[in-house]
Amino acid sequence: MPGSHIPIVKRIAPSTFVPVLQDAGRIIQGSSAIIDYVDEHSPEPPLTPADPSERQRTLELERWLDCEFGERVRRVFYFHALNHRDLAIPLFNQGGLGGAD
């Protein structure tokens, strides 16, 4: 949620976007970077297929989920949540000035 993650992420990462993985003092941000990091550091079983055609399809799906699907889900959520001040204000202000804790 916008607002609630920003104070936490600002303490540990260079940017405020999520997801964030913190491992052995390293900060990895973004789904694709996290998947690559996990494949490199914990390769069994790999998250990304070794077969070139399966790998390509997997990477295309990953990009689609990040860009197309994720954006649309956020828009649907905002459309509904912003019509409910009693829900939206505490969610967007967690940890902020005057927000709910």
PDB file of N, CA and C in Angstrom:
ATOM      1  N   MET A   1       0.835  -1.176   0.000  1.00  0.00           N
ATOM      2  CA  MET A   1       0.000   0.000   0.000  1.00  0.00           C
ATOM      3  C   MET A   1       0.876   1.234   0.000  1.00  0.00           C
ATOM      4  N   PRO A   2       0.514   2.228  -0.771  1.00  0.00           N
ATOM      5  CA  PRO A   2       1.239   3.488  -0.679  1.00  0.00           C
ATOM      6  C   PRO A   2       1.134   4.020   0.741  1.00  0.00           C
ATOM      7  N   GLY A   3       2.191   4.561   1.204  1.00  0.00           N
ATOM      8  CA  GLY A   3       2.182   5.131   2.541  1.00  0.00           C
ATOM      9  C   GLY A   3       2.738   4.185   3.577  1.00  0.00           C
ATOM     10  N   SER A   4       2.133   3.025   3.743  1.00  0.00           N
ATOM     11  CA  SER A   4       2.533   2.144   4.841  1.00  0.00           C
ATOM     12  C   SER A   4       3.927   1.551   4.667  1.00  0.00           C
ATOM     13  N   HIS A   5       4.354   1.304   3.444  1.00  0.00           N
ATOM     14  CA  HIS A   5       5.663   0.690   3.246  1.00  0.00           C
ATOM     15  C   HIS A   5       6.799   1.705   3.156  1.00  0.00           C
ATOM     16  N   ILE A   6       6.487   2.954   2.885  1.00  0.00           N
ATOM     17  CA  ILE A   6       7.535   3.939   2.597  1.00  0.00           C
ATOM     18  C   ILE A   6       8.517   4.131   3.750  1.00  0.00           C
ATOM     19  N   PRO A   7       8.070   4.351   4.998  1.00  0.00           N
ATOM     20  CA  PRO A   7       9.066   4.545   6.068  1.00  0.00           C
ATOM     21  C   PRO A   7       9.989   3.339   6.248  1.00  0.00           C
ATOM     22  N   ILE A   8       9.446   2.143   6.133  1.00  0.00           N
ATOM     23  CA  ILE A   8      10.259   0.935   6.298  1.00  0.00           C
ATOM     24  C   ILE A   8      11.241   0.797   5.152  1.00  0.00           C
ATOM     25  N   VAL A   9      10.769   0.935   3.923  1.00  0.00           N
ATOM     26  CA  VAL A   9      11.634   0.762   2.755  1.00  0.00           C
ATOM     27  C   VAL A   9      12.706   1.849   2.716  1.00  0.00           C
ATOM     28  N   LYS A  10      12.373   3.085   3.091  1.00  0.00           N
ATOM     29  CA  LYS A  10      13.360   4.172   3.093  1.00  0.00           C
ATOM     30  C   LYS A  10      14.530   3.881   4.030  1.00  0.00           C
ATOM     31  N   ARG A  11      14.273   3.146   5.100  1.00  0.00           N
ATOM     32  CA  ARG A  11      15.345   2.822   6.047  1.00  0.00           C
ATOM     33  C   ARG A  11      16.334   1.816   5.479  1.00  0.00           C
ATOM     34  N   ILE A  12      15.890   0.975   4.553  1.00  0.00           N
ATOM     35  CA  ILE A  12      16.773  -0.118   4.113  1.00  0.00           C
ATOM     36  C   ILE A  12      17.160  -0.079   2.643  1.00  0.00           C
ATOM     37  N   ALA A  13      16.437   0.667   1.813  1.00  0.00           N
ATOM     38  CA  ALA A  13      16.639   0.561   0.362  1.00  0.00           C
ATOM     39  C   ALA A  13      16.831   1.933  -0.282  1.00  0.00           C
ATOM     40  N   PRO A  14      17.459   1.949  -1.461  1.00  0.00           N
ATOM     41  CA  PRO A  14      17.686   3.214  -2.152  1.00  0.00           C
ATOM     42  C   PRO A  14      16.430   3.829  -2.762  1.00  0.00           C
ATOM     43  N   SER A  15      15.426   3.029  -3.067  1.00  0.00           N
ATOM     44  CA  SER A  15      14.164   3.512  -3.638  1.00  0.00           C
ATOM     45  C   SER A  15      13.017   3.038  -2.760  1.00  0.00           C
ATOM     46  N   THR A  16      11.826   3.602  -2.978  1.00  0.00           N
ATOM     47  CA  THR A  16      10.696   3.237  -2.115  1.00  0.00           C
ATOM     48  C   THR A  16       9.785   2.178  -2.717  1.00  0.00           C
ATOM     49  N   PHE A  17      10.132   1.634  -3.891  1.00  0.00           N
ATOM     50  CA  PHE A  17       9.226   0.650  -4.488  1.00  0.00           C
ATOM     51  C   PHE A  17       9.444  -0.727  -3.890  1.00  0.00           C
ATOM     52  N   VAL A  18       8.410  -1.532  -3.972  1.00  0.00           N
ATOM     53  CA  VAL A  18       8.424  -2.894  -3.463  1.00  0.00           C
ATOM     54  C   VAL A  18       8.131  -3.854  -4.613  1.00  0.00           C
ATOM     55  N   PRO A  19       8.439  -5.104  -4.496  1.00  0.00           N
ATOM     56  CA  PRO A  19       8.946  -5.814  -3.336  1.00  0.00           C
ATOM     57  C   PRO A  19      10.437  -5.553  -3.102  1.00  0.00           C
ATOM     58  N   VAL A  20      10.833  -5.821  -1.847  1.00  0.00           N
ATOM     59  CA  VAL A  20      12.222  -5.672  -1.428  1.00  0.00           C
ATOM     60  C   VAL A  20      12.637  -6.963  -0.740  1.00  0.00           C
ATOM     61  N   LEU A  21      13.826  -7.438  -1.090  1.00  0.00           N
ATOM     62  CA  LEU A  21      14.415  -8.585  -0.408  1.00  0.00           C
ATOM     63  C   LEU A  21      15.700  -8.105   0.241  1.00  0.00           C
ATOM     64  N   GLN A  22      15.843  -8.389   1.534  1.00  0.00           N
ATOM     65  CA  GLN A  22      17.077  -8.080   2.242  1.00  0.00           C
ATOM     66  C   GLN A  22      17.709  -9.412   2.609  1.00  0.00           C
ATOM     67  N   ASP A  23      18.937  -9.633   2.134  1.00  0.00           N
ATOM     68  CA  ASP A  23      19.617 -10.903   2.373  1.00  0.00           C
ATOM     69  C   ASP A  23      21.102 -10.650   2.579  1.00  0.00           C
ATOM     70  N   ALA A  24      21.599 -11.060   3.713  1.00  0.00           N
ATOM     71  CA  ALA A  24      23.026 -10.961   4.022  1.00  0.00           C
ATOM     72  C   ALA A  24      23.569  -9.555   3.755  1.00  0.00           C
ATOM     73  N   GLY A  25      22.804  -8.550   4.164  1.00  0.00           N
ATOM     74  CA  GLY A  25      23.246  -7.175   4.002  1.00  0.00           C
ATOM     75  C   GLY A  25      23.015  -6.577   2.631  1.00  0.00           C
ATOM     76  N   ARG A  26      22.523  -7.351   1.706  1.00  0.00           N
ATOM     77  CA  ARG A  26      22.219  -6.846   0.362  1.00  0.00           C
ATOM     78  C   ARG A  26      20.746  -6.524   0.265  1.00  0.00           C
ATOM     79  N   ILE A  27      20.430  -5.483  -0.511  1.00  0.00           N
ATOM     80  CA  ILE A  27      19.054  -5.082  -0.762  1.00  0.00           C
ATOM     81  C   ILE A  27      18.779  -5.300  -2.239  1.00  0.00           C
ATOM     82  N   ILE A  28      17.743  -6.059  -2.538  1.00  0.00           N
ATOM     83  CA  ILE A  28      17.349  -6.327  -3.921  1.00  0.00           C
ATOM     84  C   ILE A  28      15.914  -5.855  -4.060  1.00  0.00           C
ATOM     85  N   GLN A  29      15.658  -4.987  -5.059  1.00  0.00           N
ATOM     86  CA  GLN A  29      14.320  -4.439  -5.257  1.00  0.00           C
ATOM     87  C   GLN A  29      13.789  -4.816  -6.624  1.00  0.00           C
ATOM     88  N   GLY A  30      12.505  -5.152  -6.653  1.00  0.00           N
ATOM     89  CA  GLY A  30      11.828  -5.496  -7.896  1.00  0.00           C
ATOM     90  C   GLY A  30      11.725  -6.991  -8.081  1.00  0.00           C
ATOM     91  N   SER A  31      10.591  -7.420  -8.593  1.00  0.00           N
ATOM     92  CA  SER A  31      10.319  -8.853  -8.759  1.00  0.00           C
ATOM     93  C   SER A  31      11.374  -9.552  -9.600  1.00  0.00           C
ATOM     94  N   SER A  32      11.697  -8.986 -10.746  1.00  0.00           N
ATOM     95  CA  SER A  32      12.663  -9.635 -11.643  1.00  0.00           C
ATOM     96  C   SER A  32      14.032  -9.755 -11.001  1.00  0.00           C
ATOM     97  N   ALA A  33      14.483  -8.687 -10.351  1.00  0.00           N
ATOM     98  CA  ALA A  33      15.796  -8.716  -9.697  1.00  0.00           C
ATOM     99  C   ALA A  33      15.814  -9.730  -8.552  1.00  0.00           C
ATOM    100  N   ILE A  34      14.707  -9.836  -7.829  1.00  0.00           N
ATOM    101  CA  ILE A  34      14.634 -10.804  -6.731  1.00  0.00           C
ATOM    102  C   ILE A  34      14.666 -12.223  -7.264  1.00  0.00           C
ATOM    103  N   ILE A  35      13.927 -12.492  -8.328  1.00  0.00           N
ATOM    104  CA  ILE A  35      13.946 -13.836  -8.929  1.00  0.00           C
ATOM    105  C   ILE A  35      15.352 -14.184  -9.400  1.00  0.00           C
ATOM    106  N   ASP A  36      16.020 -13.260 -10.085  1.00  0.00           N
ATOM    107  CA  ASP A  36      17.396 -13.495 -10.542  1.00  0.00           C
ATOM    108  C   ASP A  36      18.332 -13.753  -9.365  1.00  0.00           C
ATOM    109  N   TYR A  37      18.182 -12.971  -8.305  1.00  0.00           N
ATOM    110  CA  TYR A  37      19.030 -13.126  -7.125  1.00  0.00           C
ATOM    111  C   TYR A  37      18.818 -14.497  -6.480  1.00  0.00           C
ATOM    112  N   VAL A  38      17.562 -14.898  -6.325  1.00  0.00           N
ATOM    113  CA  VAL A  38      17.268 -16.203  -5.720  1.00  0.00           C
ATOM    114  C   VAL A  38      17.822 -17.324  -6.591  1.00  0.00           C
ATOM    115  N   ASP A  39      17.649 -17.216  -7.918  1.00  0.00           N
ATOM    116  CA  ASP A  39      18.198 -18.239  -8.819  1.00  0.00           C
ATOM    117  C   ASP A  39      19.716 -18.339  -8.689  1.00  0.00           C
ATOM    118  N   GLU A  40      20.373 -17.212  -8.495  1.00  0.00           N
ATOM    119  CA  GLU A  40      21.837 -17.194  -8.391  1.00  0.00           C
ATOM    120  C   GLU A  40      22.322 -17.728  -7.042  1.00  0.00           C
ATOM    121  N   HIS A  41      21.605 -17.411  -5.967  1.00  0.00           N
ATOM    122  CA  HIS A  41      22.078 -17.752  -4.631  1.00  0.00           C
ATOM    123  C   HIS A  41      21.440 -19.001  -4.027  1.00  0.00           C
ATOM    124  N   SER A  42      20.331 -19.428  -4.556  1.00  0.00           N
ATOM    125  CA  SER A  42      19.672 -20.652  -4.092  1.00  0.00           C
ATOM    126  C   SER A  42      19.141 -21.387  -5.312  1.00  0.00           C
ATOM    127  N   PRO A  43      20.049 -21.935  -6.111  1.00  0.00           N
ATOM    128  CA  PRO A  43      19.650 -22.425  -7.436  1.00  0.00           C
ATOM    129  C   PRO A  43      18.839 -23.717  -7.474  1.00  0.00           C
ATOM    130  N   GLU A  44      18.647 -24.406  -6.371  1.00  0.00           N
ATOM    131  CA  GLU A  44      17.922 -25.674  -6.415  1.00  0.00           C
ATOM    132  C   GLU A  44      16.652 -25.612  -5.608  1.00  0.00           C
ATOM    133  N   PRO A  45      15.515 -25.793  -6.174  1.00  0.00           N
ATOM    134  CA  PRO A  45      15.245 -25.818  -7.612  1.00  0.00           C
ATOM    135  C   PRO A  45      15.199 -24.384  -8.148  1.00  0.00           C
ATOM    136  N   PRO A  46      15.612 -24.192  -9.379  1.00  0.00           N
ATOM    137  CA  PRO A  46      15.602 -22.843  -9.943  1.00  0.00           C
ATOM    138  C   PRO A  46      14.181 -22.324 -10.150  1.00  0.00           C
ATOM    139  N   LEU A  47      14.010 -21.018 -10.009  1.00  0.00           N
ATOM    140  CA  LEU A  47      12.709 -20.405 -10.273  1.00  0.00           C
ATOM    141  C   LEU A  47      12.498 -20.206 -11.770  1.00  0.00           C
ATOM    142  N   THR A  48      13.590 -19.974 -12.493  1.00  0.00           N
ATOM    143  CA  THR A  48      13.522 -19.725 -13.924  1.00  0.00           C
ATOM    144  C   THR A  48      13.978 -20.982 -14.669  1.00  0.00           C
ATOM    145  N   PRO A  49      13.178 -21.466 -15.613  1.00  0.00           N
ATOM    146  CA  PRO A  49      13.536 -22.686 -16.347  1.00  0.00           C
ATOM    147  C   PRO A  49      14.834 -22.536 -17.139  1.00  0.00           C
ATOM    148  N   ALA A  50      15.563 -23.625 -17.262  1.00  0.00           N
ATOM    149  CA  ALA A  50      16.807 -23.632 -18.032  1.00  0.00           C
ATOM    150  C   ALA A  50      16.535 -23.754 -19.527  1.00  0.00           C
ATOM    151  N   ASP A  51      15.488 -24.484 -19.906  1.00  0.00           N
ATOM    152  CA  ASP A  51      15.141 -24.654 -21.319  1.00  0.00           C
ATOM    153  C   ASP A  51      14.874 -23.283 -21.941  1.00  0.00           C
ATOM    154  N   PRO A  52      15.555 -22.951 -23.051  1.00  0.00           N
ATOM    155  CA  PRO A  52      15.430 -21.615 -23.641  1.00  0.00           C
ATOM    156  C   PRO A  52      13.998 -21.189 -23.987  1.00  0.00           C
ATOM    157  N   SER A  53      13.191 -22.086 -24.561  1.00  0.00           N
ATOM    158  CA  SER A  53      11.834 -21.687 -24.923  1.00  0.00           C
ATOM    159  C   SER A  53      10.968 -21.494 -23.672  1.00  0.00           C
ATOM    160  N   GLU A  54      11.129 -22.376 -22.684  1.00  0.00           N
ATOM    161  CA  GLU A  54      10.384 -22.218 -21.429  1.00  0.00           C
ATOM    162  C   GLU A  54      10.843 -20.966 -20.689  1.00  0.00           C
ATOM    163  N   ARG A  55      12.143 -20.718 -20.739  1.00  0.00           N
ATOM    164  CA  ARG A  55      12.694 -19.520 -20.089  1.00  0.00           C
ATOM    165  C   ARG A  55      12.098 -18.260 -20.709  1.00  0.00           C
ATOM    166  N   GLN A  56      12.053 -18.211 -22.035  1.00  0.00           N
ATOM    167  CA  GLN A  56      11.504 -17.050 -22.731  1.00  0.00           C
ATOM    168  C   GLN A  56      10.039 -16.829 -22.364  1.00  0.00           C
ATOM    169  N   ARG A  57       9.249 -17.896 -22.358  1.00  0.00           N
ATOM    170  CA  ARG A  57       7.834 -17.784 -21.983  1.00  0.00           C
ATOM    171  C   ARG A  57       7.684 -17.320 -20.537  1.00  0.00           C
ATOM    172  N   THR A  58       8.537 -17.834 -19.663  1.00  0.00           N
ATOM    173  CA  THR A  58       8.495 -17.451 -18.251  1.00  0.00           C
ATOM    174  C   THR A  58       8.824 -15.973 -18.079  1.00  0.00           C
ATOM    175  N   LEU A  59       9.845 -15.488 -18.776  1.00  0.00           N
ATOM    176  CA  LEU A  59      10.233 -14.078 -18.676  1.00  0.00           C
ATOM    177  C   LEU A  59       9.148 -13.166 -19.253  1.00  0.00           C
ATOM    178  N   GLU A  60       8.500 -13.602 -20.322  1.00  0.00           N
ATOM    179  CA  GLU A  60       7.393 -12.826 -20.887  1.00  0.00           C
ATOM    180  C   GLU A  60       6.225 -12.750 -19.900  1.00  0.00           C
ATOM    181  N   LEU A  61       5.916 -13.867 -19.256  1.00  0.00           N
ATOM    182  CA  LEU A  61       4.849 -13.886 -18.254  1.00  0.00           C
ATOM    183  C   LEU A  61       5.206 -12.974 -17.078  1.00  0.00           C
ATOM    184  N   GLU A  62       6.433 -13.040 -16.639  1.00  0.00           N
ATOM    185  CA  GLU A  62       6.898 -12.194 -15.536  1.00  0.00           C
ATOM    186  C   GLU A  62       6.730 -10.713 -15.874  1.00  0.00           C
ATOM    187  N   ARG A  63       7.132 -10.316 -17.070  1.00  0.00           N
ATOM    188  CA  ARG A  63       6.983  -8.915 -17.502  1.00  0.00           C
ATOM    189  C   ARG A  63       5.507  -8.527 -17.580  1.00  0.00           C
ATOM    190  N   TRP A  64       4.679  -9.422 -18.117  1.00  0.00           N
ATOM    191  CA  TRP A  64       3.250  -9.144 -18.219  1.00  0.00           C
ATOM    192  C   TRP A  64       2.634  -8.968 -16.829  1.00  0.00           C
ATOM    193  N   LEU A  65       2.987  -9.859 -15.895  1.00  0.00           N
ATOM    194  CA  LEU A  65       2.452  -9.755 -14.540  1.00  0.00           C
ATOM    195  C   LEU A  65       2.889  -8.453 -13.871  1.00  0.00           C
ATOM    196  N   ASP A  66       4.154  -8.079 -14.041  1.00  0.00           N
ATOM    197  CA  ASP A  66       4.651  -6.828 -13.451  1.00  0.00           C
ATOM    198  C   ASP A  66       3.995  -5.599 -14.060  1.00  0.00           C
ATOM    199  N   CYS A  67       3.940  -5.542 -15.373  1.00  0.00           N
ATOM    200  CA  CYS A  67       3.510  -4.319 -16.062  1.00  0.00           C
ATOM    201  C   CYS A  67       2.008  -4.253 -16.288  1.00  0.00           C
ATOM    202  N   GLU A  68       1.452  -5.259 -16.873  1.00  0.00           N
ATOM    203  CA  GLU A  68       0.042  -5.215 -17.266  1.00  0.00           C
ATOM    204  C   GLU A  68      -0.889  -5.605 -16.123  1.00  0.00           C
ATOM    205  N   PHE A  69      -0.719  -6.794 -15.615  1.00  0.00           N
ATOM    206  CA  PHE A  69      -1.626  -7.311 -14.594  1.00  0.00           C
ATOM    207  C   PHE A  69      -1.526  -6.512 -13.305  1.00  0.00           C
ATOM    208  N   GLY A  70      -0.311  -6.303 -12.809  1.00  0.00           N
ATOM    209  CA  GLY A  70      -0.118  -5.582 -11.560  1.00  0.00           C
ATOM    210  C   GLY A  70      -0.686  -4.176 -11.600  1.00  0.00           C
ATOM    211  N   GLU A  71      -0.458  -3.474 -12.699  1.00  0.00           N
ATOM    212  CA  GLU A  71      -0.977  -2.112 -12.843  1.00  0.00           C
ATOM    213  C   GLU A  71      -2.503  -2.106 -12.826  1.00  0.00           C
ATOM    214  N   ARG A  72      -3.103  -3.038 -13.510  1.00  0.00           N
ATOM    215  CA  ARG A  72      -4.574  -3.095 -13.558  1.00  0.00           C
ATOM    216  C   ARG A  72      -5.170  -3.453 -12.196  1.00  0.00           C
ATOM    217  N   VAL A  73      -4.545  -4.360 -11.487  1.00  0.00           N
ATOM    218  CA  VAL A  73      -5.037  -4.720 -10.155  1.00  0.00           C
ATOM    219  C   VAL A  73      -4.959  -3.510  -9.229  1.00  0.00           C
ATOM    220  N   ARG A  74      -3.847  -2.761  -9.280  1.00  0.00           N
ATOM    221  CA  ARG A  74      -3.733  -1.553  -8.454  1.00  0.00           C
ATOM    222  C   ARG A  74      -4.830  -0.547  -8.798  1.00  0.00           C
ATOM    223  N   ARG A  75      -5.096  -0.353 -10.077  1.00  0.00           N
ATOM    224  CA  ARG A  75      -6.136   0.600 -10.478  1.00  0.00           C
ATOM    225  C   ARG A  75      -7.514   0.183  -9.978  1.00  0.00           C
ATOM    226  N   VAL A  76      -7.829  -1.098 -10.070  1.00  0.00           N
ATOM    227  CA  VAL A  76      -9.120  -1.582  -9.568  1.00  0.00           C
ATOM    228  C   VAL A  76      -9.204  -1.351  -8.060  1.00  0.00           C
ATOM    229  N   PHE A  77      -8.133  -1.669  -7.361  1.00  0.00           N
ATOM    230  CA  PHE A  77      -8.123  -1.453  -5.915  1.00  0.00           C
ATOM    231  C   PHE A  77      -8.343   0.023  -5.595  1.00  0.00           C
ATOM    232  N   TYR A  78      -7.568   0.915  -6.229  1.00  0.00           N
ATOM    233  CA  TYR A  78      -7.702   2.348  -5.951  1.00  0.00           C
ATOM    234  C   TYR A  78      -9.109   2.842  -6.280  1.00  0.00           C
ATOM    235  N   PHE A  79      -9.669   2.383  -7.378  1.00  0.00           N
ATOM    236  CA  PHE A  79     -11.016   2.798  -7.766  1.00  0.00           C
ATOM    237  C   PHE A  79     -12.009   2.539  -6.642  1.00  0.00           C
ATOM    238  N   HIS A  80     -11.910   1.357  -6.050  1.00  0.00           N
ATOM    239  CA  HIS A  80     -12.852   0.999  -4.994  1.00  0.00           C
ATOM    240  C   HIS A  80     -12.453   1.586  -3.635  1.00  0.00           C
ATOM    241  N   ALA A  81     -11.176   1.533  -3.293  1.00  0.00           N
ATOM    242  CA  ALA A  81     -10.734   1.990  -1.975  1.00  0.00           C
ATOM    243  C   ALA A  81     -10.908   3.489  -1.796  1.00  0.00           C
ATOM    244  N   LEU A  82     -10.638   4.252  -2.832  1.00  0.00           N
ATOM    245  CA  LEU A  82     -10.705   5.705  -2.688  1.00  0.00           C
ATOM    246  C   LEU A  82     -12.127   6.216  -2.502  1.00  0.00           C
ATOM    247  N   ASN A  83     -13.107   5.405  -2.791  1.00  0.00           N
ATOM    248  CA  ASN A  83     -14.491   5.780  -2.532  1.00  0.00           C
ATOM    249  C   ASN A  83     -14.896   5.551  -1.079  1.00  0.00           C
ATOM    250  N   HIS A  84     -14.001   5.004  -0.274  1.00  0.00           N
ATOM    251  CA  HIS A  84     -14.278   4.706   1.132  1.00  0.00           C
ATOM    252  C   HIS A  84     -13.233   5.398   2.002  1.00  0.00           C
ATOM    253  N   ARG A  85     -13.518   6.649   2.350  1.00  0.00           N
ATOM    254  CA  ARG A  85     -12.565   7.440   3.132  1.00  0.00           C
ATOM    255  C   ARG A  85     -12.148   6.731   4.417  1.00  0.00           C
ATOM    256  N   ASP A  86     -13.087   6.055   5.070  1.00  0.00           N
ATOM    257  CA  ASP A  86     -12.784   5.383   6.326  1.00  0.00           C
ATOM    258  C   ASP A  86     -11.749   4.268   6.142  1.00  0.00           C
ATOM    259  N   LEU A  87     -11.654   3.700   4.973  1.00  0.00           N
ATOM    260  CA  LEU A  87     -10.659   2.687   4.652  1.00  0.00           C
ATOM    261  C   LEU A  87      -9.387   3.329   4.087  1.00  0.00           C
ATOM    262  N   ALA A  88      -9.543   4.234   3.147  1.00  0.00           N
ATOM    263  CA  ALA A  88      -8.404   4.788   2.414  1.00  0.00           C
ATOM    264  C   ALA A  88      -7.485   5.636   3.277  1.00  0.00           C
ATOM    265  N   ILE A  89      -8.041   6.500   4.111  1.00  0.00           N
ATOM    266  CA  ILE A  89      -7.198   7.412   4.884  1.00  0.00           C
ATOM    267  C   ILE A  89      -6.237   6.659   5.809  1.00  0.00           C
ATOM    268  N   PRO A  90      -6.704   5.706   6.615  1.00  0.00           N
ATOM    269  CA  PRO A  90      -5.738   4.980   7.448  1.00  0.00           C
ATOM    270  C   PRO A  90      -4.716   4.172   6.632  1.00  0.00           C
ATOM    271  N   LEU A  91      -5.137   3.566   5.529  1.00  0.00           N
ATOM    272  CA  LEU A  91      -4.205   2.780   4.728  1.00  0.00           C
ATOM    273  C   LEU A  91      -3.111   3.635   4.108  1.00  0.00           C
ATOM    274  N   PHE A  92      -3.485   4.772   3.575  1.00  0.00           N
ATOM    275  CA  PHE A  92      -2.520   5.623   2.887  1.00  0.00           C
ATOM    276  C   PHE A  92      -1.680   6.457   3.842  1.00  0.00           C
ATOM    277  N   ASN A  93      -2.051   6.528   5.109  1.00  0.00           N
ATOM    278  CA  ASN A  93      -1.326   7.359   6.059  1.00  0.00           C
ATOM    279  C   ASN A  93      -0.633   6.575   7.165  1.00  0.00           C
ATOM    280  N   GLN A  94      -0.574   5.292   7.072  1.00  0.00           N
ATOM    281  CA  GLN A  94       0.096   4.513   8.124  1.00  0.00           C
ATOM    282  C   GLN A  94       1.530   4.996   8.264  1.00  0.00           C
ATOM    283  N   GLY A  95       1.882   5.376   9.464  1.00  0.00           N
ATOM    284  CA  GLY A  95       3.236   5.832   9.729  1.00  0.00           C
ATOM    285  C   GLY A  95       3.476   7.267   9.291  1.00  0.00           C
ATOM    286  N   GLY A  96       2.489   7.922   8.685  1.00  0.00           N
ATOM    287  CA  GLY A  96       2.635   9.299   8.249  1.00  0.00           C
ATOM    288  C   GLY A  96       2.088  10.257   9.279  1.00  0.00           C
ATOM    289  N   LEU A  97       2.147  11.519   8.976  1.00  0.00           N
ATOM    290  CA  LEU A  97       1.634  12.530   9.886  1.00  0.00           C
ATOM    291  C   LEU A  97       0.132  12.387  10.029  1.00  0.00           C
ATOM    292  N   GLY A  98      -0.319  12.258  11.227  1.00  0.00           N
ATOM    293  CA  GLY A  98      -1.758  12.188  11.503  1.00  0.00           C
ATOM    294  C   GLY A  98      -2.391  10.875  11.101  1.00  0.00           C
ATOM    295  N   GLY A  99      -1.602   9.887  10.687  1.00  0.00           N
ATOM    296  CA  GLY A  99      -2.164   8.621  10.236  1.00  0.00           C
ATOM    297  C   GLY A  99      -2.316   7.622  11.373  1.00  0.00           C
ATOM    298  N   ALA A 100      -3.044   6.586  11.075  1.00  0.00           N
ATOM    299  CA  ALA A 100      -3.216   5.505  12.053  1.00  0.00           C
ATOM    300  C   ALA A 100      -1.952   4.685  12.121  1.00  0.00           C
ATOM    301  N   ASP A 101      -1.667   4.101  13.263  1.00  0.00           N
ATOM    302  CA  ASP A 101      -0.479   3.251  13.410  1.00  0.00           C
ATOM    303  C   ASP A 101      -0.854   1.805  13.311  1.00  0.00           C
TER     304      ASP A 101
END
